[in-house]
């Protein structure tokens, strides 16, 4: 048996899954500290289906802890950015494009040092070890506890980043180090930014990992714990301590993977209507289509793995207002305070949930409290919701042909049965818990993304090598070898670089090995 948990802005959903069967499901209100909400969800599962905690093989969690910390600017460690690239890159130093507020929160400590590579692996300049020791001394004096090391073209060769870390940690032994070649993709500033964000979250990741472990232990569950990644795969708790940035978009990704699982479709759009937002994404081979361009995180440009998702502030908790120019729904939401502030629960705030209840689309709270709502207002809000969602689906499509859509999420009752541009609207069983189901059935992945110099006569050999490396990474991450498959191979010739240079990205996924997974109690 698996337990899947997804922590949203409004609700924390949990499911108990055995194979392809959903044995129990529970939806509870997300709490301010998040962890309490997870405990409540586990208690709800136990009440719905009495199960033996020792029979649980694994627990998978999708959490908003880390992205919320960056957006709100809280819990972030003082962080130093060390870039290896001199004498190049001086014009645009680290943090050059950061919002001042966020830069101040983490200190904005930056250092330009010698090192880095050309695209073909030639060294720009050798490391200056004395220079790095001076950086270490300054870092220690300022009380910095986490460092992000980036190097020009580190995706070609990460050796200089690793050597720089050895020098820094020899001087400052307890320093937490994040490497750009392990986190971001091509594009120095964006990869560096992603690495800095990851470094700023490392201490918080330690605290959250310990808190999640204690929450499960208190429920008598000692099964291995995994967190959902942005690409729809899993990472174990130790990996999450090192790479918290990989969880940022796990919520929408879990919903999309859950939608694929519940509907049986691998090629479609998925609309996830939650309590706070509506997320629209596309599935390819059963996995979310990834964003091909930079991704903005709280005003910072990054380029790590993220799904191509359009999000709008529209959900069950969205505040509804009548204005002179018309009806507005969201983007502000009562969030996890829905049970206190919405009309159907005796509150004084008109929300989209109240509209759904008044229209007879949902049975939540006390319908009598909204029976006198103006029917014209109710119809206008529902029309507005339909128009907003149709617009997002249209923006995601890659052809004019109508496409099938899988509708999931607790707020999906707001969506009518017919939407413009949609060939088929599918509401699968358990659709309100697709996010938690997506976490419970998630697989393990491995990815290669770097620049290769490809001889025209050796192209197939290079691509096969990239595929094999992706497979090996998936197996090393915990995938069962006989279940691993390649889900994506992408080759992009880089015309601006000489020597037949191409960016090659290969991605593999496989089923999690559960029988060999060590129990935390024995770890």
Protein backbone atom coordinates (compact mmCIF):
# COMPACT_ATOMS: atom_id res chain seq x y z
CA UNK A 1 0.00 0.00 0.00
CA UNK A 2 1.07 3.58 -0.73
CA UNK A 3 -0.09 6.83 0.81
CA UNK A 4 -0.15 9.88 -1.43
CA UNK A 5 -0.47 13.37 0.07
CA UNK A 6 -0.70 16.71 -1.71
CA UNK A 7 -0.55 19.97 0.24
CA UNK A 8 -2.42 22.77 -1.52
CA UNK A 9 -3.07 26.36 -0.60
CA UNK A 10 -6.59 25.52 0.60
CA UNK A 11 -6.80 21.76 1.17
CA UNK A 12 -4.47 18.89 2.04
CA UNK A 13 -5.56 15.75 0.18
CA UNK A 14 -4.55 12.20 1.02
CA UNK A 15 -5.26 8.81 -0.56
CA UNK A 16 -4.49 5.22 0.37
CA UNK A 17 -3.66 3.25 -2.78
CA UNK A 18 -3.04 -0.43 -3.41
CA UNK A 19 -1.94 -1.16 -6.96
CA UNK A 20 -4.45 0.71 -9.13
CA UNK A 21 -7.17 0.72 -6.46
CA UNK A 22 -7.95 3.74 -4.30
CA UNK A 23 -8.85 2.30 -0.90
CA UNK A 24 -9.54 5.54 0.95
CA UNK A 25 -9.42 9.29 0.46
CA UNK A 26 -9.50 12.29 2.75
CA UNK A 27 -9.61 16.05 2.23
CA UNK A 28 -8.68 18.32 5.15
CA UNK A 29 -7.97 22.01 5.50
CA UNK A 30 -4.35 23.02 5.01
CA UNK A 31 -2.91 24.44 8.22
CA UNK A 32 -0.57 27.38 8.59
CA UNK A 33 2.30 25.09 9.62
CA UNK A 34 1.35 22.53 6.87
CA UNK A 35 2.62 19.58 8.95
CA UNK A 36 -0.45 19.58 11.19
CA UNK A 37 -2.63 19.38 8.10
CA UNK A 38 -0.69 16.29 6.96
CA UNK A 39 -1.25 14.62 10.34
CA UNK A 40 -4.97 15.44 10.12
CA UNK A 41 -5.11 13.93 6.63
CA UNK A 42 -3.45 10.72 7.86
CA UNK A 43 -5.96 10.50 10.70
CA UNK A 44 -8.75 10.98 8.17
CA UNK A 45 -7.44 8.10 6.07
CA UNK A 46 -7.31 5.87 9.13
CA UNK A 47 -10.91 6.76 9.93
CA UNK A 48 -12.04 6.06 6.35
CA UNK A 49 -10.15 2.77 6.02
CA UNK A 50 -8.69 1.13 9.09
CA UNK A 51 -5.24 0.00 7.97
CA UNK A 52 -2.14 -1.26 9.72
CA UNK A 53 0.57 1.45 9.58
CA UNK A 54 3.24 -1.25 9.19
CA UNK A 55 1.57 -2.36 5.94
CA UNK A 56 2.35 0.96 4.25
CA UNK A 57 5.27 0.51 1.83
CA UNK A 58 5.87 4.16 0.98
CA UNK A 59 4.54 7.66 1.54
CA UNK A 60 4.70 10.24 -1.26
CA UNK A 61 4.15 13.92 -0.51
CA UNK A 62 3.76 16.93 -2.76
CA UNK A 63 4.36 20.06 -0.71
CA UNK A 64 4.18 23.82 -1.16
CA UNK A 65 6.62 24.45 1.71
CA UNK A 66 9.57 25.54 -0.39
CA UNK A 67 8.01 27.65 -3.11
CA UNK A 68 5.93 29.46 -0.46
CA UNK A 69 9.11 30.23 1.48
CA UNK A 70 10.62 31.95 -1.57
CA UNK A 71 7.44 33.81 -2.50
CA UNK A 72 6.97 35.04 1.07
CA UNK A 73 10.69 35.59 1.70
CA UNK A 74 10.74 33.60 4.94
CA UNK A 75 12.94 30.83 6.31
CA UNK A 76 15.70 31.53 3.79
CA UNK A 77 19.34 31.18 4.83
CA UNK A 78 22.07 33.74 4.29
CA UNK A 79 23.57 32.63 0.99
CA UNK A 80 26.70 33.41 -1.01
CA UNK A 81 26.93 33.10 -4.80
CA UNK A 82 30.38 32.09 -6.04
CA UNK A 83 30.79 32.28 -9.82
CA UNK A 84 33.77 30.80 -11.66
CA UNK A 85 34.31 32.70 -14.89
CA UNK A 86 36.87 35.49 -14.62
CA UNK A 87 38.11 37.25 -16.63
CA UNK A 88 34.76 36.76 -18.41
CA UNK A 89 31.23 37.56 -17.08
CA UNK A 90 32.23 40.68 -15.10
CA UNK A 91 29.55 42.81 -16.79
CA UNK A 92 26.67 40.88 -15.19
CA UNK A 93 27.54 39.78 -11.65
CA UNK A 94 25.41 37.39 -9.54
CA UNK A 95 22.06 38.79 -8.30
CA UNK A 96 22.08 41.40 -11.09
CA UNK A 97 18.42 40.74 -11.99
CA UNK A 98 17.02 39.91 -8.54
CA UNK A 99 14.24 41.88 -6.83
CA UNK A 100 15.83 44.00 -4.11
CA UNK A 101 13.52 42.58 -1.43
CA UNK A 102 14.50 38.97 -2.02
CA UNK A 103 18.16 39.82 -2.44
CA UNK A 104 18.20 41.52 0.96
CA UNK A 105 16.53 38.54 2.63
CA UNK A 106 19.36 36.17 1.72
CA UNK A 107 22.15 38.73 1.99
CA UNK A 108 23.14 39.16 -1.64
CA UNK A 109 26.73 38.04 -1.00
CA UNK A 110 28.43 37.49 -4.37
CA UNK A 111 31.97 36.63 -5.48
CA UNK A 112 33.50 36.50 -8.96
CA UNK A 113 36.43 34.11 -9.22
CA UNK A 114 38.66 32.68 -11.93
CA UNK A 115 37.64 29.47 -13.68
CA UNK A 116 34.93 28.28 -16.03
CA UNK A 117 34.85 26.49 -19.39
CA UNK A 118 34.28 27.24 -23.03
CA UNK A 119 31.43 25.32 -24.70
CA UNK A 120 33.89 22.65 -25.89
CA UNK A 121 35.42 22.02 -22.46
CA UNK A 122 38.49 24.26 -22.76
CA UNK A 123 39.26 26.06 -19.50
CA UNK A 124 38.71 29.83 -19.55
CA UNK A 125 41.19 30.27 -16.71
CA UNK A 126 42.51 27.92 -14.01
CA UNK A 127 41.14 28.06 -10.47
CA UNK A 128 42.96 30.40 -8.12
CA UNK A 129 42.97 28.47 -4.85
CA UNK A 130 44.20 31.41 -2.78
CA UNK A 131 41.39 33.52 -4.24
CA UNK A 132 38.85 30.92 -3.13
CA UNK A 133 40.39 30.65 0.34
CA UNK A 134 39.93 34.41 0.65
CA UNK A 135 36.28 33.98 -0.32
CA UNK A 136 35.91 31.29 2.34
CA UNK A 137 37.37 33.59 4.98
CA UNK A 138 34.93 36.36 4.06
CA UNK A 139 31.98 33.95 3.99
CA UNK A 140 32.82 32.67 7.46
CA UNK A 141 33.21 36.22 8.81
CA UNK A 142 29.76 37.16 7.52
CA UNK A 143 28.12 34.10 9.04
CA UNK A 144 27.03 32.70 5.68
CA UNK A 145 25.95 29.07 5.99
CA UNK A 146 25.06 28.13 2.41
CA UNK A 147 26.83 28.72 -0.89
CA UNK A 148 25.82 28.38 -4.56
CA UNK A 149 28.71 27.59 -6.89
CA UNK A 150 28.23 28.25 -10.61
CA UNK A 151 30.68 28.00 -13.47
CA UNK A 152 30.50 29.04 -17.10
CA UNK A 153 29.41 25.98 -19.13
CA UNK A 154 29.45 23.75 -16.06
CA UNK A 155 27.03 21.42 -17.87
CA UNK A 156 29.94 20.48 -20.11
CA UNK A 157 32.19 19.76 -17.13
CA UNK A 158 31.40 20.11 -13.43
CA UNK A 159 34.94 19.44 -12.17
CA UNK A 160 35.81 23.07 -11.40
CA UNK A 161 32.63 23.52 -9.33
CA UNK A 162 33.43 20.41 -7.33
CA UNK A 163 37.06 21.45 -6.80
CA UNK A 164 35.96 24.91 -5.66
CA UNK A 165 33.63 23.27 -3.14
CA UNK A 166 36.50 21.20 -1.76
CA UNK A 167 38.54 24.35 -1.17
CA UNK A 168 35.67 26.27 0.43
CA UNK A 169 34.55 23.45 2.74
CA UNK A 170 38.13 22.80 3.83
CA UNK A 171 38.09 26.35 5.24
CA UNK A 172 34.43 26.36 6.36
CA UNK A 173 33.59 22.71 7.22
CA UNK A 174 29.85 23.09 7.90
CA UNK A 175 29.11 24.98 4.68
CA UNK A 176 26.15 23.69 2.64
CA UNK A 177 27.05 23.65 -1.07
CA UNK A 178 24.77 23.66 -4.14
CA UNK A 179 26.22 23.07 -7.64
CA UNK A 180 24.77 24.72 -10.73
CA UNK A 181 25.61 21.74 -12.97
CA UNK A 182 23.27 19.59 -10.86
CA UNK A 183 20.34 22.01 -10.81
CA UNK A 184 19.92 24.24 -13.86
CA UNK A 185 20.21 24.05 -17.61
CA UNK A 186 21.98 26.06 -20.31
CA UNK A 187 22.04 29.78 -19.58
CA UNK A 188 24.50 31.03 -16.96
CA UNK A 189 22.38 33.64 -15.17
CA UNK A 190 19.23 31.51 -15.04
CA UNK A 191 21.15 28.41 -13.90
CA UNK A 192 23.01 30.46 -11.30
CA UNK A 193 19.74 31.96 -10.02
CA UNK A 194 18.16 28.53 -9.63
CA UNK A 195 21.23 27.36 -7.71
CA UNK A 196 21.14 30.37 -5.39
CA UNK A 197 17.46 29.75 -4.60
CA UNK A 198 18.24 26.10 -3.89
CA UNK A 199 21.12 27.07 -1.59
CA UNK A 200 18.93 29.53 0.31
CA UNK A 201 16.44 26.71 1.00
CA UNK A 202 18.90 24.07 2.22
CA UNK A 203 18.53 24.78 5.96
CA UNK A 204 14.75 24.96 5.66
CA UNK A 205 14.84 21.63 3.79
CA UNK A 206 16.61 20.02 6.74
CA UNK A 207 13.94 21.29 9.13
CA UNK A 208 11.02 20.26 6.93
CA UNK A 209 12.48 16.81 6.20
CA UNK A 210 12.83 16.19 9.93
CA UNK A 211 9.33 17.52 10.59
CA UNK A 212 7.74 15.29 7.95
CA UNK A 213 9.60 12.28 9.27
CA UNK A 214 8.43 12.99 12.82
CA UNK A 215 4.82 13.43 11.60
CA UNK A 216 4.80 9.98 10.02
CA UNK A 217 6.58 8.36 12.93
CA UNK A 218 3.95 9.77 15.30
CA UNK A 219 1.33 7.91 13.24
CA UNK A 220 3.27 4.65 13.51
CA UNK A 221 4.37 4.77 9.86
CA UNK A 222 8.06 4.03 9.30
CA UNK A 223 7.89 3.48 5.53
CA UNK A 224 10.28 5.37 3.23
CA UNK A 225 9.20 8.95 2.52
CA UNK A 226 9.45 10.51 -0.94
CA UNK A 227 8.72 14.01 -2.21
CA UNK A 228 7.27 14.82 -5.63
CA UNK A 229 9.45 16.62 -8.16
CA UNK A 230 8.53 19.18 -10.80
CA UNK A 231 8.75 16.63 -13.61
CA UNK A 232 6.26 14.15 -12.14
CA UNK A 233 8.82 11.81 -10.60
CA UNK A 234 9.91 11.14 -7.02
CA UNK A 235 12.96 11.90 -4.94
CA UNK A 236 13.83 10.38 -1.59
CA UNK A 237 14.13 12.47 1.54
CA UNK A 238 17.93 12.71 1.45
CA UNK A 239 17.81 14.01 -2.12
CA UNK A 240 15.14 16.53 -1.09
CA UNK A 241 17.44 17.86 1.63
CA UNK A 242 19.96 18.74 -1.09
CA UNK A 243 17.62 19.84 -3.89
CA UNK A 244 14.48 21.45 -2.41
CA UNK A 245 14.06 23.62 -5.51
CA UNK A 246 13.01 20.46 -7.40
CA UNK A 247 9.64 20.47 -5.56
CA UNK A 248 8.44 23.92 -6.66
CA UNK A 249 5.75 22.87 -9.13
CA UNK A 250 4.97 19.44 -7.74
CA UNK A 251 1.33 20.34 -7.03
CA UNK A 252 0.19 20.92 -10.64
CA UNK A 253 2.43 18.08 -11.80
CA UNK A 254 0.84 15.63 -9.36
CA UNK A 255 -2.62 16.62 -10.56
CA UNK A 256 -1.65 16.09 -14.19
CA UNK A 257 -0.09 12.68 -13.47
CA UNK A 258 -3.16 11.76 -11.44
CA UNK A 259 -5.38 12.85 -14.31
CA UNK A 260 -3.44 10.61 -16.71
CA UNK A 261 -3.71 7.68 -14.29
CA UNK A 262 -7.43 8.07 -13.65
CA UNK A 263 -8.45 8.72 -17.26
CA UNK A 264 -6.06 6.34 -19.02
CA UNK A 265 -5.10 9.15 -21.46
CA UNK A 266 -1.47 9.95 -22.22
CA UNK A 267 -2.05 12.79 -24.71
CA UNK A 268 -4.50 15.44 -23.52
CA UNK A 269 -4.94 18.64 -21.55
CA UNK A 270 -5.54 18.54 -17.80
CA UNK A 271 -7.45 21.23 -15.93
CA UNK A 272 -6.93 21.23 -12.17
CA UNK A 273 -9.34 23.51 -10.32
CA UNK A 274 -8.25 23.78 -6.72
CA UNK A 275 -9.23 26.04 -3.88
CA UNK A 276 -6.97 28.91 -4.88
CA UNK A 277 -5.85 28.48 -8.50
CA UNK A 278 -6.73 26.73 -11.73
CA UNK A 279 -3.78 25.09 -13.49
CA UNK A 280 -3.90 24.02 -17.13
CA UNK A 281 -1.22 21.78 -18.61
CA UNK A 282 -0.61 19.32 -21.43
CA UNK A 283 0.28 15.65 -21.11
CA UNK A 284 2.75 13.99 -23.49
CA UNK A 285 3.47 10.29 -23.00
CA UNK A 286 1.59 10.56 -19.73
CA UNK A 287 3.92 13.23 -18.33
CA UNK A 288 3.55 17.01 -18.19
CA UNK A 289 4.97 18.93 -21.13
CA UNK A 290 7.97 20.82 -19.82
CA UNK A 291 8.51 24.56 -20.14
CA UNK A 292 11.07 25.28 -22.84
CA UNK A 293 11.85 28.83 -21.75
CA UNK A 294 12.91 30.52 -18.56
CA UNK A 295 10.65 30.28 -15.50
CA UNK A 296 10.03 33.20 -13.17
CA UNK A 297 10.08 32.38 -9.44
CA UNK A 298 9.10 35.37 -7.29
CA UNK A 299 10.61 37.73 -9.86
CA UNK A 300 13.80 35.69 -10.40
CA UNK A 301 14.57 34.12 -13.79
CA UNK A 302 15.46 30.44 -13.55
CA UNK A 303 15.76 27.50 -15.96
CA UNK A 304 15.44 24.29 -13.97
CA UNK A 305 12.91 21.57 -14.82
CA UNK A 306 9.36 22.93 -14.60
CA UNK A 307 6.11 21.83 -16.25
CA UNK A 308 4.54 24.07 -18.87
CA UNK A 309 1.53 25.14 -16.83
CA UNK A 310 -0.72 28.17 -17.07
CA UNK A 311 -2.13 29.23 -13.71
CA UNK A 312 -4.88 31.73 -12.97
CA UNK A 313 -6.25 32.88 -9.64
CA UNK A 314 -9.51 30.98 -9.93
CA UNK A 315 -10.66 28.28 -7.51
CA UNK A 316 -13.28 27.24 -5.01
CA UNK A 317 -12.09 29.81 -2.50
CA UNK A 318 -11.88 32.71 -4.98
CA UNK A 319 -13.63 35.87 -3.79
CA UNK A 320 -16.55 36.96 -6.02
CA UNK A 321 -17.28 40.67 -6.47
CA UNK A 322 -19.91 42.63 -8.36
CA UNK A 323 -18.33 45.70 -9.93
CA UNK A 324 -19.47 48.41 -12.34
CA UNK A 325 -17.42 46.86 -15.13
CA UNK A 326 -18.81 43.40 -14.43
CA UNK A 327 -18.18 40.29 -12.36
CA UNK A 328 -14.74 39.47 -10.94
CA UNK A 329 -13.74 36.06 -9.57
CA UNK A 330 -10.39 36.08 -7.77
CA UNK A 331 -7.47 36.26 -8.04
CA UNK A 332 -7.61 36.66 -4.24
CA UNK A 333 -8.88 33.67 -2.31
CA UNK A 334 -9.95 32.90 1.24
CA UNK A 335 -7.69 29.82 0.92
CA UNK A 336 -7.70 27.48 3.88
CA UNK A 337 -10.07 29.86 5.69
CA UNK A 338 -12.92 28.78 3.40
CA UNK A 339 -14.70 26.95 6.25
CA UNK A 340 -14.77 30.17 8.28
CA UNK A 341 -15.32 32.93 5.71
CA UNK A 342 -17.56 31.61 2.90
CA UNK A 343 -21.30 32.15 3.06
CA UNK A 344 -22.25 28.45 3.13
CA UNK A 345 -20.25 28.09 6.35
CA UNK A 346 -21.78 31.16 8.00
CA UNK A 347 -19.11 33.64 6.93
CA UNK A 348 -19.53 36.99 5.20
CA UNK A 349 -17.44 36.53 2.03
CA UNK A 350 -19.01 35.51 -1.28
CA UNK A 351 -16.81 32.83 -2.87
CA UNK A 352 -16.93 30.63 -5.96
CA UNK A 353 -17.91 27.73 -3.68
CA UNK A 354 -21.02 29.63 -2.62
CA UNK A 355 -21.89 30.11 -6.29
CA UNK A 356 -21.45 26.38 -6.99
CA UNK A 357 -23.72 25.46 -4.06
CA UNK A 358 -26.34 28.03 -5.08
CA UNK A 359 -26.33 26.59 -8.62
CA UNK A 360 -26.82 23.07 -7.28
CA UNK A 361 -23.43 21.91 -8.54
CA UNK A 362 -22.10 20.98 -5.09
CA UNK A 363 -23.35 20.02 -1.65
CA UNK A 364 -21.07 21.86 0.75
CA UNK A 365 -21.93 23.56 4.01
CA UNK A 366 -25.49 24.85 4.43
CA UNK A 367 -27.19 25.44 1.04
CA UNK A 368 -29.91 27.41 2.81
CA UNK A 369 -27.47 30.23 3.46
CA UNK A 370 -27.12 30.94 -0.30
CA UNK A 371 -30.62 30.09 -1.54
CA UNK A 372 -31.45 33.78 -1.99
CA UNK A 373 -28.48 34.63 -4.17
CA UNK A 374 -29.50 36.45 -7.37
CA UNK A 375 -29.75 33.83 -10.13
CA UNK A 376 -28.39 36.32 -12.67
CA UNK A 377 -25.31 36.73 -10.50
CA UNK A 378 -24.86 32.96 -10.22
CA UNK A 379 -25.16 32.48 -13.99
CA UNK A 380 -22.81 35.39 -14.69
CA UNK A 381 -20.12 33.93 -12.41
CA UNK A 382 -20.40 30.47 -14.00
CA UNK A 383 -20.17 32.00 -17.49
CA UNK A 384 -17.12 33.97 -16.39
CA UNK A 385 -15.44 30.82 -15.06
CA UNK A 386 -16.17 28.92 -18.30
CA UNK A 387 -14.75 31.76 -20.41
CA UNK A 388 -11.59 32.00 -18.31
CA UNK A 389 -10.89 28.27 -18.53
CA UNK A 390 -11.60 28.11 -22.27
CA UNK A 391 -9.09 30.91 -22.79
CA UNK A 392 -6.38 29.03 -20.88
CA UNK A 393 -7.02 25.80 -22.82
CA UNK A 394 -6.79 27.74 -26.08
CA UNK A 395 -3.43 29.20 -25.02
CA UNK A 396 -2.03 25.73 -24.29
CA UNK A 397 -3.06 24.03 -27.54
CA UNK A 398 -0.49 23.47 -30.30
CA UNK A 399 -3.06 22.98 -33.10
CA UNK A 400 -6.53 24.36 -33.87
CA UNK A 401 -8.13 20.92 -33.54
CA UNK A 402 -10.31 20.38 -30.43
CA UNK A 403 -8.54 18.31 -27.80
CA UNK A 404 -9.69 16.02 -24.99
CA UNK A 405 -9.55 17.49 -21.50
CA UNK A 406 -9.37 15.71 -18.16
CA UNK A 407 -10.96 17.73 -15.36
CA UNK A 408 -9.65 17.23 -11.83
CA UNK A 409 -9.54 19.03 -8.50
CA UNK A 410 -12.01 19.78 -5.75
CA UNK A 411 -13.10 23.02 -7.42
CA UNK A 412 -13.89 21.33 -10.74
CA UNK A 413 -17.62 21.48 -9.94
CA UNK A 414 -17.42 25.06 -11.20
CA UNK A 415 -16.67 23.92 -14.77
CA UNK A 416 -19.64 23.18 -17.06
CA UNK A 417 -19.90 19.99 -19.09
CA UNK A 418 -19.13 21.81 -22.35
CA UNK A 419 -16.15 24.11 -22.91
CA UNK A 420 -15.30 25.78 -26.21
CA UNK A 421 -12.45 24.08 -28.06
CA UNK A 422 -12.75 20.85 -26.08
CA UNK A 423 -13.63 17.64 -27.94
CA UNK A 424 -14.30 15.60 -24.81
CA UNK A 425 -14.50 16.62 -21.16
CA UNK A 426 -13.65 13.73 -18.82
CA UNK A 427 -14.36 13.80 -15.08
CA UNK A 428 -12.82 10.53 -13.88
CA UNK A 429 -13.71 8.80 -10.65
CA UNK A 430 -11.77 10.21 -7.68
CA UNK A 431 -11.07 13.37 -9.74
CA UNK A 432 -11.18 15.55 -6.61
CA UNK A 433 -8.12 13.66 -5.31
CA UNK A 434 -6.09 13.48 -8.53
CA UNK A 435 -3.26 15.47 -6.94
CA UNK A 436 -2.77 13.00 -4.10
CA UNK A 437 -3.21 10.05 -6.47
CA UNK A 438 -0.57 11.53 -8.77
CA UNK A 439 1.84 11.60 -5.84
CA UNK A 440 0.98 8.04 -4.80
CA UNK A 441 1.61 6.51 -8.24
CA UNK A 442 4.62 8.64 -9.19
CA UNK A 443 7.69 6.99 -10.70
CA UNK A 444 11.42 7.61 -10.46
CA UNK A 445 13.24 9.51 -13.18
CA UNK A 446 16.67 10.30 -14.58
CA UNK A 447 17.63 13.08 -16.98
CA UNK A 448 20.61 14.17 -19.07
CA UNK A 449 20.72 17.73 -20.41
CA UNK A 450 23.99 19.06 -21.75
CA UNK A 451 25.99 20.13 -24.80
CA UNK A 452 27.64 17.48 -26.97
CA UNK A 453 30.02 17.94 -29.89
CA UNK A 454 28.46 15.57 -32.41
CA UNK A 455 30.42 14.15 -35.31
CA UNK A 456 27.91 13.56 -38.14
CA UNK A 457 29.07 9.94 -38.35
CA UNK A 458 28.57 9.37 -34.60
CA UNK A 459 25.20 11.04 -34.02
CA UNK A 460 23.34 7.81 -33.19
CA UNK A 461 26.14 6.76 -30.87
CA UNK A 462 25.97 10.04 -28.94
CA UNK A 463 22.16 9.89 -28.64
CA UNK A 464 22.31 6.27 -27.48
CA UNK A 465 24.91 7.25 -24.90
CA UNK A 466 22.64 10.04 -23.60
CA UNK A 467 19.69 7.63 -23.39
CA UNK A 468 21.74 5.09 -21.47
CA UNK A 469 23.00 7.74 -19.07
CA UNK A 470 19.40 8.81 -18.37
CA UNK A 471 18.43 5.18 -17.74
CA UNK A 472 21.41 4.71 -15.41
CA UNK A 473 20.44 7.82 -13.46
CA UNK A 474 16.87 6.57 -13.05
CA UNK A 475 18.10 3.21 -11.75
CA UNK A 476 20.53 4.95 -9.39
CA UNK A 477 17.63 7.07 -8.09
CA UNK A 478 15.68 3.93 -7.13
CA UNK A 479 13.88 2.78 -10.28
CA UNK A 480 13.46 -0.91 -11.04
CA UNK A 481 15.82 -1.60 -13.96
CA UNK A 482 13.38 -3.70 -15.99
CA UNK A 483 10.68 -1.00 -15.79
CA UNK A 484 12.73 1.98 -17.01
CA UNK A 485 11.73 3.51 -20.33
CA UNK A 486 12.78 6.58 -22.30
CA UNK A 487 9.93 9.10 -22.43
CA UNK A 488 11.67 11.97 -24.18
CA UNK A 489 14.74 12.65 -26.33
CA UNK A 490 15.41 16.14 -27.64
CA UNK A 491 18.29 17.32 -29.83
CA UNK A 492 18.76 21.02 -30.52
CA UNK A 493 21.65 22.04 -32.83
CA UNK A 494 23.40 25.16 -31.50
CA UNK A 495 24.13 27.05 -34.70
CA UNK A 496 25.91 29.87 -32.88
CA UNK A 497 28.62 27.47 -31.63
CA UNK A 498 31.24 25.90 -33.92
CA UNK A 499 32.06 22.20 -34.08
CA UNK A 500 28.58 20.64 -34.60
CA UNK A 501 27.56 21.42 -31.03
CA UNK A 502 24.07 20.27 -30.01
CA UNK A 503 22.10 20.36 -26.80
CA UNK A 504 20.83 16.85 -26.06
CA UNK A 505 18.20 16.12 -23.45
CA UNK A 506 17.13 12.57 -22.65
CA UNK A 507 14.66 11.57 -19.95
CA UNK A 508 13.88 8.14 -18.50
CA UNK A 509 11.34 6.97 -15.91
CA UNK A 510 10.71 3.70 -14.10
CA UNK A 511 8.74 2.19 -11.23
CA UNK A 512 9.98 2.66 -7.71
CA UNK A 513 11.74 -0.32 -6.12
CA UNK A 514 9.76 -0.82 -2.93
CA UNK A 515 10.84 -4.23 -1.76
CA UNK A 516 14.45 -3.05 -1.37
CA UNK A 517 13.66 0.39 0.00
CA UNK A 518 15.17 0.71 3.47
CA UNK A 519 12.90 1.56 6.34
CA UNK A 520 13.71 4.84 8.02
CA UNK A 521 14.01 3.00 11.30
CA UNK A 522 16.97 1.09 9.88
CA UNK A 523 18.45 3.98 7.92
